[in-house]
Amino acid sequence: MKQYLAMERIRSFVAIELPDELKQEFGRLQARLKAVGPLPVKWVDPYSIHLTLKFLGDVDTSRIGDIVKAIEEAARGINPFPLEVGNPGVFPSVRRTQVAWLGLQGDTDSLARLQQGIEVSLSRLGFSRETRPFTPHLTLARLRDRASPDERQRFGEAFVQANITAVCLIKVDSIHLMKSQLTRNGAIYSRLGTVPLNKP
């Protein structure tokens, strides 16, 4: 692991990374949706999409070792499990679309246990527990603030009717503590630590 200055703070989160095959499919889906017409949409770079389990915010680098240990504790007793992409959806509704996402299906029980374990373990380090229910999803696009009600509805309707043409299995066998570096061209993600799940 890299050596950081003691007082450096890093924007970080806990996530499951996705296979490249799936990211390529996201790119194809975005290309099909862009053909709907020019809309004020901010597209997420397909190769930066991941499944976030817990956002930590800015943390002191001196705490990274303890955070990884807490994640290891949460992963103990959970075997590798499969997920796959489910149906498209939007927040908060089709008529008022702000965020466009893809749901997940498969062994969502194991996913929920893992996410809840991470919440509990990290709460012991002082990180606030999420009060909203965990809704696993992969964000593909966000509507810009200037989008009109008609544009929000038009994009939302097109997105929820879109089809994922490739079935890509997500084999969840590890989770990662990630660093998020914000730049003018978007966020750059890198791993700070990796925690394997139990071997079956």
N, C-alpha and C. Protein backbone atom coordinates (compact mmCIF):
# COMPACT_ATOMS: atom_id res chain seq x y z
N MET A 1 0.84 -1.19 0.00
CA MET A 1 0.00 0.00 0.00
C MET A 1 0.89 1.25 0.00
N LYS A 2 0.43 2.30 -0.69
CA LYS A 2 1.22 3.52 -0.80
C LYS A 2 1.37 4.18 0.57
N GLN A 3 2.44 4.93 0.73
CA GLN A 3 2.65 5.70 1.94
C GLN A 3 2.15 7.13 1.68
N TYR A 4 1.28 7.62 2.56
CA TYR A 4 0.72 8.95 2.40
C TYR A 4 1.18 9.85 3.54
N LEU A 5 1.10 11.15 3.32
CA LEU A 5 1.38 12.08 4.40
C LEU A 5 0.32 11.90 5.48
N ALA A 6 0.73 12.04 6.73
CA ALA A 6 -0.15 11.72 7.86
C ALA A 6 -1.45 12.50 7.83
N MET A 7 -1.39 13.78 7.41
CA MET A 7 -2.58 14.61 7.49
C MET A 7 -3.34 14.69 6.16
N GLU A 8 -2.92 13.96 5.17
CA GLU A 8 -3.62 14.01 3.89
C GLU A 8 -5.00 13.38 4.04
N ARG A 9 -5.98 13.98 3.39
CA ARG A 9 -7.34 13.44 3.42
C ARG A 9 -7.75 13.00 2.03
N ILE A 10 -8.44 11.88 1.98
CA ILE A 10 -8.79 11.27 0.70
C ILE A 10 -10.30 11.04 0.65
N ARG A 11 -10.91 11.44 -0.45
CA ARG A 11 -12.33 11.17 -0.69
C ARG A 11 -12.43 9.68 -1.05
N SER A 12 -13.20 8.93 -0.29
CA SER A 12 -13.16 7.48 -0.48
C SER A 12 -14.54 6.84 -0.32
N PHE A 13 -14.63 5.60 -0.79
CA PHE A 13 -15.87 4.84 -0.71
C PHE A 13 -15.55 3.35 -0.83
N VAL A 14 -16.51 2.51 -0.46
CA VAL A 14 -16.37 1.06 -0.56
C VAL A 14 -17.23 0.59 -1.73
N ALA A 15 -16.67 -0.25 -2.59
CA ALA A 15 -17.40 -0.61 -3.81
C ALA A 15 -17.05 -2.00 -4.32
N ILE A 16 -17.92 -2.48 -5.19
CA ILE A 16 -17.68 -3.69 -5.98
C ILE A 16 -17.38 -3.23 -7.40
N GLU A 17 -16.27 -3.69 -7.95
CA GLU A 17 -15.92 -3.34 -9.32
C GLU A 17 -16.59 -4.30 -10.30
N LEU A 18 -16.76 -3.85 -11.53
CA LEU A 18 -17.52 -4.59 -12.53
C LEU A 18 -16.61 -5.10 -13.65
N PRO A 19 -17.01 -6.20 -14.32
CA PRO A 19 -16.19 -6.72 -15.42
C PRO A 19 -16.21 -5.78 -16.63
N ASP A 20 -15.10 -5.77 -17.38
CA ASP A 20 -15.00 -4.90 -18.56
C ASP A 20 -16.08 -5.20 -19.58
N GLU A 21 -16.47 -6.45 -19.72
CA GLU A 21 -17.51 -6.82 -20.68
C GLU A 21 -18.80 -6.06 -20.40
N LEU A 22 -19.13 -5.93 -19.12
CA LEU A 22 -20.34 -5.22 -18.73
C LEU A 22 -20.20 -3.72 -19.00
N LYS A 23 -19.03 -3.17 -18.74
CA LYS A 23 -18.81 -1.75 -19.00
C LYS A 23 -18.94 -1.44 -20.49
N GLN A 24 -18.48 -2.36 -21.33
CA GLN A 24 -18.63 -2.18 -22.77
C GLN A 24 -20.11 -2.16 -23.16
N GLU A 25 -20.91 -3.01 -22.51
CA GLU A 25 -22.34 -3.02 -22.77
C GLU A 25 -22.99 -1.71 -22.34
N PHE A 26 -22.52 -1.15 -21.23
CA PHE A 26 -23.04 0.15 -20.80
C PHE A 26 -22.78 1.20 -21.87
N GLY A 27 -21.59 1.17 -22.46
CA GLY A 27 -21.25 2.12 -23.51
C GLY A 27 -22.17 1.98 -24.71
N ARG A 28 -22.50 0.73 -25.08
CA ARG A 28 -23.40 0.51 -26.21
C ARG A 28 -24.81 1.02 -25.89
N LEU A 29 -25.25 0.79 -24.65
CA LEU A 29 -26.56 1.26 -24.24
C LEU A 29 -26.62 2.79 -24.27
N GLN A 30 -25.59 3.44 -23.78
CA GLN A 30 -25.56 4.90 -23.80
C GLN A 30 -25.60 5.43 -25.23
N ALA A 31 -24.90 4.76 -26.14
CA ALA A 31 -24.90 5.20 -27.54
C ALA A 31 -26.31 5.11 -28.13
N ARG A 32 -27.04 4.05 -27.80
CA ARG A 32 -28.41 3.92 -28.31
C ARG A 32 -29.31 5.02 -27.75
N LEU A 33 -29.12 5.36 -26.48
CA LEU A 33 -29.96 6.38 -25.86
C LEU A 33 -29.62 7.78 -26.39
N LYS A 34 -28.36 8.01 -26.72
CA LYS A 34 -27.97 9.31 -27.26
C LYS A 34 -28.66 9.57 -28.60
N ALA A 35 -29.05 8.48 -29.29
CA ALA A 35 -29.72 8.61 -30.58
C ALA A 35 -31.14 9.15 -30.44
N VAL A 36 -31.66 9.17 -29.20
CA VAL A 36 -33.00 9.72 -28.97
C VAL A 36 -33.05 11.19 -29.36
N GLY A 37 -31.93 11.86 -29.25
CA GLY A 37 -31.86 13.27 -29.60
C GLY A 37 -31.05 14.04 -28.58
N PRO A 38 -30.72 15.29 -28.89
CA PRO A 38 -29.92 16.09 -27.97
C PRO A 38 -30.72 16.46 -26.72
N LEU A 39 -30.28 15.96 -25.59
CA LEU A 39 -30.92 16.25 -24.31
C LEU A 39 -29.84 16.65 -23.31
N PRO A 40 -30.18 17.47 -22.30
CA PRO A 40 -29.19 17.90 -21.31
C PRO A 40 -28.88 16.79 -20.31
N VAL A 41 -28.14 15.80 -20.79
CA VAL A 41 -27.82 14.61 -20.00
C VAL A 41 -26.32 14.59 -19.72
N LYS A 42 -25.94 14.29 -18.48
CA LYS A 42 -24.54 14.08 -18.13
C LYS A 42 -24.33 12.58 -18.01
N TRP A 43 -23.60 12.01 -18.96
CA TRP A 43 -23.38 10.58 -19.00
C TRP A 43 -22.22 10.18 -18.10
N VAL A 44 -22.37 9.08 -17.39
CA VAL A 44 -21.29 8.55 -16.57
C VAL A 44 -20.36 7.74 -17.47
N ASP A 45 -19.06 7.97 -17.34
CA ASP A 45 -18.08 7.18 -18.10
C ASP A 45 -18.29 5.70 -17.79
N PRO A 46 -18.61 4.87 -18.80
CA PRO A 46 -18.88 3.45 -18.54
C PRO A 46 -17.77 2.75 -17.76
N TYR A 47 -16.53 3.18 -17.99
CA TYR A 47 -15.41 2.48 -17.34
C TYR A 47 -15.18 2.96 -15.90
N SER A 48 -15.98 3.92 -15.45
CA SER A 48 -15.87 4.34 -14.05
C SER A 48 -17.07 3.87 -13.23
N ILE A 49 -18.00 3.14 -13.86
CA ILE A 49 -19.20 2.69 -13.15
C ILE A 49 -18.84 1.54 -12.21
N HIS A 50 -19.39 1.60 -11.01
CA HIS A 50 -19.13 0.58 -10.00
C HIS A 50 -20.36 0.51 -9.09
N LEU A 51 -20.42 -0.51 -8.27
CA LEU A 51 -21.52 -0.64 -7.31
C LEU A 51 -21.03 -0.15 -5.95
N THR A 52 -21.50 1.02 -5.54
CA THR A 52 -21.09 1.60 -4.26
C THR A 52 -21.83 0.93 -3.11
N LEU A 53 -21.09 0.48 -2.11
CA LEU A 53 -21.68 -0.11 -0.91
C LEU A 53 -21.72 0.87 0.25
N LYS A 54 -20.75 1.80 0.27
CA LYS A 54 -20.70 2.77 1.36
C LYS A 54 -19.82 3.94 0.94
N PHE A 55 -20.38 5.15 0.97
CA PHE A 55 -19.59 6.35 0.71
C PHE A 55 -19.06 6.88 2.03
N LEU A 56 -17.77 7.11 2.11
CA LEU A 56 -17.13 7.52 3.36
C LEU A 56 -16.83 9.02 3.41
N GLY A 57 -16.70 9.65 2.26
CA GLY A 57 -16.33 11.07 2.24
C GLY A 57 -14.83 11.23 2.43
N ASP A 58 -14.40 12.39 2.91
CA ASP A 58 -12.98 12.67 3.10
C ASP A 58 -12.49 12.03 4.40
N VAL A 59 -11.51 11.15 4.28
CA VAL A 59 -10.96 10.48 5.46
C VAL A 59 -9.45 10.72 5.54
N ASP A 60 -8.94 10.77 6.74
CA ASP A 60 -7.50 10.93 6.96
C ASP A 60 -6.81 9.63 6.54
N THR A 61 -5.71 9.76 5.83
CA THR A 61 -5.01 8.57 5.33
C THR A 61 -4.52 7.67 6.47
N SER A 62 -4.34 8.23 7.66
CA SER A 62 -3.89 7.42 8.78
C SER A 62 -4.95 6.41 9.22
N ARG A 63 -6.19 6.57 8.72
CA ARG A 63 -7.27 5.68 9.11
C ARG A 63 -7.51 4.55 8.10
N ILE A 64 -6.79 4.56 7.00
CA ILE A 64 -7.05 3.60 5.93
C ILE A 64 -6.89 2.16 6.42
N GLY A 65 -5.84 1.89 7.20
CA GLY A 65 -5.62 0.54 7.69
C GLY A 65 -6.78 0.05 8.55
N ASP A 66 -7.30 0.91 9.42
CA ASP A 66 -8.43 0.53 10.27
C ASP A 66 -9.70 0.31 9.44
N ILE A 67 -9.87 1.13 8.40
CA ILE A 67 -11.05 0.98 7.54
C ILE A 67 -11.00 -0.36 6.81
N VAL A 68 -9.83 -0.72 6.29
CA VAL A 68 -9.69 -2.01 5.60
C VAL A 68 -9.97 -3.16 6.55
N LYS A 69 -9.50 -3.07 7.78
CA LYS A 69 -9.76 -4.12 8.77
C LYS A 69 -11.25 -4.24 9.06
N ALA A 70 -11.96 -3.10 9.12
CA ALA A 70 -13.40 -3.12 9.34
C ALA A 70 -14.12 -3.79 8.17
N ILE A 71 -13.64 -3.54 6.96
CA ILE A 71 -14.24 -4.18 5.78
C ILE A 71 -13.98 -5.68 5.81
N GLU A 72 -12.78 -6.07 6.22
CA GLU A 72 -12.46 -7.50 6.34
C GLU A 72 -13.40 -8.18 7.33
N GLU A 73 -13.68 -7.51 8.43
CA GLU A 73 -14.60 -8.06 9.43
C GLU A 73 -15.99 -8.25 8.82
N ALA A 74 -16.45 -7.27 8.03
CA ALA A 74 -17.77 -7.36 7.41
C ALA A 74 -17.85 -8.47 6.38
N ALA A 75 -16.72 -8.75 5.70
CA ALA A 75 -16.70 -9.75 4.64
C ALA A 75 -16.55 -11.17 5.17
N ARG A 76 -16.16 -11.29 6.44
CA ARG A 76 -15.94 -12.61 7.02
C ARG A 76 -17.25 -13.40 7.05
N GLY A 77 -17.20 -14.64 6.56
CA GLY A 77 -18.39 -15.49 6.59
C GLY A 77 -19.28 -15.36 5.36
N ILE A 78 -18.94 -14.45 4.44
CA ILE A 78 -19.72 -14.30 3.21
C ILE A 78 -18.92 -14.85 2.05
N ASN A 79 -19.48 -15.87 1.40
CA ASN A 79 -18.82 -16.50 0.25
C ASN A 79 -19.01 -15.66 -1.01
N PRO A 80 -18.14 -15.85 -2.00
CA PRO A 80 -18.37 -15.19 -3.30
C PRO A 80 -19.77 -15.50 -3.82
N PHE A 81 -20.37 -14.52 -4.51
CA PHE A 81 -21.74 -14.71 -4.99
C PHE A 81 -21.93 -14.01 -6.34
N PRO A 82 -22.95 -14.44 -7.11
CA PRO A 82 -23.17 -13.86 -8.44
C PRO A 82 -24.25 -12.78 -8.43
N LEU A 83 -24.06 -11.78 -9.28
CA LEU A 83 -25.07 -10.77 -9.57
C LEU A 83 -25.16 -10.60 -11.08
N GLU A 84 -26.25 -10.05 -11.53
CA GLU A 84 -26.35 -9.66 -12.93
C GLU A 84 -27.24 -8.43 -13.04
N VAL A 85 -27.12 -7.74 -14.16
CA VAL A 85 -27.88 -6.51 -14.35
C VAL A 85 -29.35 -6.82 -14.57
N GLY A 86 -30.20 -6.05 -13.89
CA GLY A 86 -31.64 -6.22 -14.03
C GLY A 86 -32.24 -5.12 -14.89
N ASN A 87 -33.43 -4.68 -14.51
CA ASN A 87 -34.19 -3.73 -15.32
C ASN A 87 -33.71 -2.30 -15.12
N PRO A 88 -33.88 -1.46 -16.16
CA PRO A 88 -33.55 -0.04 -16.01
C PRO A 88 -34.60 0.68 -15.17
N GLY A 89 -34.16 1.72 -14.48
CA GLY A 89 -35.07 2.51 -13.67
C GLY A 89 -34.58 3.93 -13.56
N VAL A 90 -35.38 4.79 -12.97
CA VAL A 90 -35.02 6.20 -12.81
C VAL A 90 -35.44 6.67 -11.41
N PHE A 91 -34.73 7.68 -10.92
CA PHE A 91 -35.10 8.37 -9.69
C PHE A 91 -35.50 9.79 -10.04
N PRO A 92 -36.50 10.43 -9.42
CA PRO A 92 -37.44 9.80 -8.51
C PRO A 92 -38.63 9.16 -9.22
N SER A 93 -38.90 9.58 -10.49
CA SER A 93 -40.00 9.01 -11.27
C SER A 93 -39.74 9.30 -12.74
N VAL A 94 -40.47 8.60 -13.61
CA VAL A 94 -40.28 8.80 -15.06
C VAL A 94 -40.61 10.24 -15.45
N ARG A 95 -41.65 10.81 -14.87
CA ARG A 95 -42.06 12.17 -15.24
C ARG A 95 -41.05 13.22 -14.79
N ARG A 96 -40.31 12.93 -13.71
CA ARG A 96 -39.38 13.93 -13.15
C ARG A 96 -37.96 13.34 -13.07
N THR A 97 -37.55 12.64 -14.10
CA THR A 97 -36.26 11.92 -14.08
C THR A 97 -35.08 12.83 -13.73
N GLN A 98 -34.32 12.39 -12.74
CA GLN A 98 -33.07 13.07 -12.38
C GLN A 98 -31.87 12.15 -12.57
N VAL A 99 -32.04 10.86 -12.23
CA VAL A 99 -30.96 9.88 -12.33
C VAL A 99 -31.49 8.64 -13.04
N ALA A 100 -30.71 8.13 -13.99
CA ALA A 100 -31.06 6.91 -14.72
C ALA A 100 -30.10 5.80 -14.31
N TRP A 101 -30.65 4.63 -13.99
CA TRP A 101 -29.82 3.56 -13.41
C TRP A 101 -30.29 2.19 -13.88
N LEU A 102 -29.46 1.20 -13.63
CA LEU A 102 -29.80 -0.20 -13.88
C LEU A 102 -29.82 -0.93 -12.55
N GLY A 103 -30.87 -1.72 -12.33
CA GLY A 103 -30.98 -2.49 -11.11
C GLY A 103 -30.10 -3.73 -11.16
N LEU A 104 -30.06 -4.45 -10.06
CA LEU A 104 -29.26 -5.68 -9.99
C LEU A 104 -30.13 -6.81 -9.47
N GLN A 105 -29.85 -8.01 -9.96
CA GLN A 105 -30.55 -9.20 -9.50
C GLN A 105 -29.52 -10.32 -9.32
N GLY A 106 -29.99 -11.46 -8.84
CA GLY A 106 -29.08 -12.56 -8.51
C GLY A 106 -29.12 -12.78 -7.01
N ASP A 107 -27.96 -13.04 -6.41
CA ASP A 107 -27.90 -13.30 -4.98
C ASP A 107 -27.89 -11.97 -4.22
N THR A 108 -29.02 -11.28 -4.25
CA THR A 108 -29.10 -9.98 -3.60
C THR A 108 -29.15 -10.12 -2.07
N ASP A 109 -29.49 -11.32 -1.58
CA ASP A 109 -29.47 -11.53 -0.13
C ASP A 109 -28.04 -11.42 0.41
N SER A 110 -27.09 -12.07 -0.29
CA SER A 110 -25.68 -11.97 0.13
C SER A 110 -25.19 -10.54 0.00
N LEU A 111 -25.62 -9.86 -1.06
CA LEU A 111 -25.22 -8.46 -1.25
C LEU A 111 -25.73 -7.60 -0.10
N ALA A 112 -26.98 -7.82 0.31
CA ALA A 112 -27.56 -7.03 1.39
C ALA A 112 -26.84 -7.31 2.72
N ARG A 113 -26.49 -8.59 2.97
CA ARG A 113 -25.78 -8.94 4.20
C ARG A 113 -24.40 -8.28 4.22
N LEU A 114 -23.73 -8.28 3.06
CA LEU A 114 -22.41 -7.67 2.97
C LEU A 114 -22.50 -6.17 3.21
N GLN A 115 -23.46 -5.52 2.58
CA GLN A 115 -23.60 -4.08 2.73
C GLN A 115 -23.96 -3.71 4.17
N GLN A 116 -24.84 -4.48 4.78
CA GLN A 116 -25.22 -4.20 6.16
C GLN A 116 -24.05 -4.42 7.11
N GLY A 117 -23.26 -5.47 6.85
CA GLY A 117 -22.08 -5.72 7.67
C GLY A 117 -21.08 -4.59 7.58
N ILE A 118 -20.94 -4.01 6.39
CA ILE A 118 -20.03 -2.87 6.21
C ILE A 118 -20.54 -1.67 7.00
N GLU A 119 -21.85 -1.43 6.96
CA GLU A 119 -22.43 -0.33 7.73
C GLU A 119 -22.12 -0.49 9.22
N VAL A 120 -22.32 -1.71 9.75
CA VAL A 120 -22.12 -1.96 11.17
C VAL A 120 -20.64 -1.80 11.54
N SER A 121 -19.76 -2.43 10.76
CA SER A 121 -18.32 -2.39 11.08
C SER A 121 -17.77 -0.97 11.04
N LEU A 122 -18.18 -0.21 10.03
CA LEU A 122 -17.65 1.14 9.90
C LEU A 122 -18.28 2.11 10.89
N SER A 123 -19.48 1.78 11.37
CA SER A 123 -20.09 2.64 12.39
C SER A 123 -19.27 2.63 13.67
N ARG A 124 -18.56 1.52 13.91
CA ARG A 124 -17.71 1.43 15.10
C ARG A 124 -16.50 2.34 15.00
N LEU A 125 -16.19 2.77 13.78
CA LEU A 125 -15.08 3.71 13.57
C LEU A 125 -15.58 5.15 13.53
N GLY A 126 -16.89 5.32 13.75
CA GLY A 126 -17.43 6.68 13.78
C GLY A 126 -18.11 7.14 12.52
N PHE A 127 -18.21 6.26 11.50
CA PHE A 127 -18.90 6.65 10.27
C PHE A 127 -20.40 6.48 10.47
N SER A 128 -21.16 7.50 10.11
CA SER A 128 -22.61 7.46 10.30
C SER A 128 -23.24 6.37 9.44
N ARG A 129 -24.21 5.67 10.01
CA ARG A 129 -24.91 4.63 9.27
C ARG A 129 -25.94 5.27 8.35
N GLU A 130 -26.08 4.72 7.16
CA GLU A 130 -27.05 5.21 6.19
C GLU A 130 -28.45 4.91 6.68
N THR A 131 -29.30 5.93 6.68
CA THR A 131 -30.67 5.74 7.17
C THR A 131 -31.63 5.29 6.07
N ARG A 132 -31.28 5.57 4.82
CA ARG A 132 -32.15 5.15 3.71
C ARG A 132 -31.94 3.67 3.41
N PRO A 133 -32.98 2.98 2.93
CA PRO A 133 -32.83 1.57 2.56
C PRO A 133 -31.79 1.43 1.44
N PHE A 134 -31.04 0.35 1.46
CA PHE A 134 -30.03 0.09 0.43
C PHE A 134 -30.72 -0.37 -0.85
N THR A 135 -30.56 0.40 -1.91
CA THR A 135 -31.13 0.06 -3.22
C THR A 135 -29.99 -0.12 -4.19
N PRO A 136 -29.52 -1.36 -4.39
CA PRO A 136 -28.36 -1.56 -5.27
C PRO A 136 -28.67 -1.18 -6.71
N HIS A 137 -27.87 -0.30 -7.27
CA HIS A 137 -28.09 0.14 -8.64
C HIS A 137 -26.79 0.68 -9.22
N LEU A 138 -26.76 0.78 -10.54
CA LEU A 138 -25.61 1.29 -11.27
C LEU A 138 -26.06 2.52 -12.04
N THR A 139 -25.50 3.67 -11.71
CA THR A 139 -25.92 4.93 -12.33
C THR A 139 -25.25 5.10 -13.70
N LEU A 140 -26.08 5.34 -14.74
CA LEU A 140 -25.57 5.54 -16.09
C LEU A 140 -25.63 7.00 -16.54
N ALA A 141 -26.57 7.76 -15.99
CA ALA A 141 -26.74 9.14 -16.46
C ALA A 141 -27.47 9.97 -15.42
N ARG A 142 -27.24 11.29 -15.49
CA ARG A 142 -27.97 12.25 -14.66
C ARG A 142 -28.46 13.38 -15.57
N LEU A 143 -29.65 13.85 -15.30
CA LEU A 143 -30.16 15.00 -16.04
C LEU A 143 -29.58 16.28 -15.44
N ARG A 144 -29.16 17.19 -16.30
CA ARG A 144 -28.61 18.46 -15.82
C ARG A 144 -29.73 19.34 -15.26
N ASP A 145 -29.34 20.28 -14.42
CA ASP A 145 -30.33 21.14 -13.74
C ASP A 145 -31.21 21.89 -14.73
N ARG A 146 -30.66 22.22 -15.89
CA ARG A 146 -31.42 23.03 -16.85
C ARG A 146 -32.46 22.22 -17.63
N ALA A 147 -32.51 20.91 -17.43
CA ALA A 147 -33.45 20.07 -18.17
C ALA A 147 -34.89 20.47 -17.85
N SER A 148 -35.71 20.59 -18.88
CA SER A 148 -37.11 20.97 -18.69
C SER A 148 -37.93 19.74 -18.27
N PRO A 149 -39.13 19.94 -17.73
CA PRO A 149 -39.99 18.80 -17.37
C PRO A 149 -40.24 17.87 -18.56
N ASP A 150 -40.43 18.45 -19.76
CA ASP A 150 -40.66 17.61 -20.94
C ASP A 150 -39.44 16.76 -21.27
N GLU A 151 -38.25 17.36 -21.16
CA GLU A 151 -37.02 16.62 -21.45
C GLU A 151 -36.80 15.51 -20.43
N ARG A 152 -37.11 15.79 -19.17
CA ARG A 152 -36.95 14.77 -18.13
C ARG A 152 -37.86 13.58 -18.39
N GLN A 153 -39.11 13.86 -18.76
CA GLN A 153 -40.04 12.77 -19.03
C GLN A 153 -39.64 12.01 -20.29
N ARG A 154 -39.24 12.73 -21.33
CA ARG A 154 -38.87 12.08 -22.59
C ARG A 154 -37.68 11.13 -22.39
N PHE A 155 -36.68 11.61 -21.66
CA PHE A 155 -35.51 10.76 -21.42
C PHE A 155 -35.88 9.58 -20.51
N GLY A 156 -36.67 9.85 -19.46
CA GLY A 156 -37.06 8.78 -18.55
C GLY A 156 -37.81 7.68 -19.25
N GLU A 157 -38.74 8.04 -20.13
CA GLU A 157 -39.50 7.03 -20.87
C GLU A 157 -38.59 6.21 -21.79
N ALA A 158 -37.66 6.89 -22.46
CA ALA A 158 -36.75 6.17 -23.36
C ALA A 158 -35.85 5.23 -22.57
N PHE A 159 -35.42 5.67 -21.38
CA PHE A 159 -34.48 4.85 -20.62
C PHE A 159 -35.14 3.60 -20.06
N VAL A 160 -36.33 3.73 -19.46
CA VAL A 160 -36.96 2.55 -18.84
C VAL A 160 -37.41 1.53 -19.89
N GLN A 161 -37.51 1.96 -21.15
CA GLN A 161 -37.88 1.03 -22.21
C GLN A 161 -36.67 0.41 -22.90
N ALA A 162 -35.46 0.84 -22.50
CA ALA A 162 -34.23 0.34 -23.13
C ALA A 162 -33.98 -1.11 -22.73
N ASN A 163 -33.30 -1.83 -23.61
CA ASN A 163 -32.98 -3.23 -23.36
C ASN A 163 -31.47 -3.42 -23.21
N ILE A 164 -31.09 -4.24 -22.23
CA ILE A 164 -29.70 -4.67 -22.12
C ILE A 164 -29.55 -5.89 -23.02
N THR A 165 -28.70 -5.79 -24.03
CA THR A 165 -28.63 -6.86 -25.03
C THR A 165 -27.67 -7.98 -24.65
N ALA A 166 -26.81 -7.75 -23.67
CA ALA A 166 -25.85 -8.78 -23.27
C ALA A 166 -26.06 -9.13 -21.80
N VAL A 167 -26.01 -10.41 -21.50
CA VAL A 167 -26.11 -10.86 -20.11
C VAL A 167 -24.69 -11.11 -19.60
N CYS A 168 -24.27 -10.29 -18.66
CA CYS A 168 -22.91 -10.37 -18.13
C CYS A 168 -22.97 -10.70 -16.64
N LEU A 169 -22.43 -11.83 -16.27
CA LEU A 169 -22.43 -12.22 -14.86
C LEU A 169 -21.38 -11.41 -14.11
N ILE A 170 -21.77 -10.90 -12.95
CA ILE A 170 -20.84 -10.21 -12.06
C ILE A 170 -20.47 -11.18 -10.95
N LYS A 171 -19.25 -11.65 -10.95
CA LYS A 171 -18.80 -12.58 -9.91
C LYS A 171 -18.19 -11.76 -8.78
N VAL A 172 -18.93 -11.64 -7.70
CA VAL A 172 -18.47 -10.82 -6.57
C VAL A 172 -17.61 -11.70 -5.66
N ASP A 173 -16.30 -11.55 -5.75
CA ASP A 173 -15.39 -12.33 -4.91
C ASP A 173 -14.45 -11.44 -4.10
N SER A 174 -14.62 -10.11 -4.24
CA SER A 174 -13.83 -9.18 -3.45
C SER A 174 -14.52 -7.83 -3.45
N ILE A 175 -14.17 -7.01 -2.46
CA ILE A 175 -14.66 -5.64 -2.40
C ILE A 175 -13.45 -4.72 -2.21
N HIS A 176 -13.64 -3.45 -2.56
CA HIS A 176 -12.50 -2.55 -2.62
C HIS A 176 -12.78 -1.24 -1.88
N LEU A 177 -11.76 -0.76 -1.19
CA LEU A 177 -11.77 0.60 -0.68
C LEU A 177 -11.18 1.46 -1.79
N MET A 178 -11.96 2.42 -2.26
CA MET A 178 -11.58 3.19 -3.43
C MET A 178 -11.30 4.65 -3.08
N LYS A 179 -10.41 5.25 -3.85
CA LYS A 179 -10.12 6.68 -3.77
C LYS A 179 -10.80 7.38 -4.94
N SER A 180 -11.44 8.50 -4.67
CA SER A 180 -12.08 9.29 -5.72
C SER A 180 -11.40 10.65 -5.78
N GLN A 181 -10.76 10.91 -6.90
CA GLN A 181 -10.09 12.20 -7.09
C GLN A 181 -10.89 13.01 -8.11
N LEU A 182 -11.45 14.13 -7.66
CA LEU A 182 -12.29 14.95 -8.53
C LEU A 182 -11.44 15.85 -9.40
N THR A 183 -11.73 15.82 -10.71
CA THR A 183 -11.02 16.68 -11.67
C THR A 183 -12.05 17.38 -12.56
N ARG A 184 -11.58 18.30 -13.37
CA ARG A 184 -12.48 19.00 -14.30
C ARG A 184 -13.12 18.04 -15.29
N ASN A 185 -12.44 16.97 -15.59
CA ASN A 185 -12.95 16.00 -16.57
C ASN A 185 -13.70 14.84 -15.92
N GLY A 186 -14.01 14.98 -14.64
CA GLY A 186 -14.71 13.91 -13.94
C GLY A 186 -13.83 13.27 -12.88
N ALA A 187 -14.41 12.33 -12.17
CA ALA A 187 -13.68 11.66 -11.09
C ALA A 187 -12.74 10.59 -11.62
N ILE A 188 -11.59 10.47 -10.97
CA ILE A 188 -10.64 9.39 -11.27
C ILE A 188 -10.60 8.47 -10.06
N TYR A 189 -10.81 7.17 -10.31
CA TYR A 189 -10.90 6.21 -9.22
C TYR A 189 -9.66 5.32 -9.19
N SER A 190 -9.21 5.00 -7.98
CA SER A 190 -8.10 4.06 -7.82
C SER A 190 -8.30 3.29 -6.52
N ARG A 191 -7.71 2.11 -6.43
CA ARG A 191 -7.88 1.27 -5.26
C ARG A 191 -6.93 1.67 -4.14
N LEU A 192 -7.48 1.70 -2.92
CA LEU A 192 -6.66 1.89 -1.73
C LEU A 192 -6.44 0.57 -1.01
N GLY A 193 -7.35 -0.37 -1.19
CA GLY A 193 -7.24 -1.68 -0.54
C GLY A 193 -8.26 -2.64 -1.13
N THR A 194 -7.95 -3.92 -1.09
CA THR A 194 -8.83 -4.96 -1.60
C THR A 194 -9.05 -6.02 -0.53
N VAL A 195 -10.31 -6.42 -0.35
CA VAL A 195 -10.65 -7.41 0.64
C VAL A 195 -11.37 -8.57 -0.06
N PRO A 196 -10.77 -9.78 -0.09
CA PRO A 196 -11.45 -10.93 -0.71
C PRO A 196 -12.55 -11.47 0.19
N LEU A 197 -13.59 -12.02 -0.43
CA LEU A 197 -14.62 -12.71 0.34
C LEU A 197 -14.13 -14.11 0.67
N ASN A 198 -14.82 -14.77 1.56
CA ASN A 198 -14.45 -16.14 1.92
C ASN A 198 -14.41 -17.02 0.68
N LYS A 199 -13.48 -17.93 0.66
CA LYS A 199 -13.46 -18.91 -0.43
C LYS A 199 -14.57 -19.93 -0.19
N PRO A 200 -15.30 -20.34 -1.25
CA PRO A 200 -16.39 -21.30 -1.05
C PRO A 200 -15.88 -22.65 -0.58
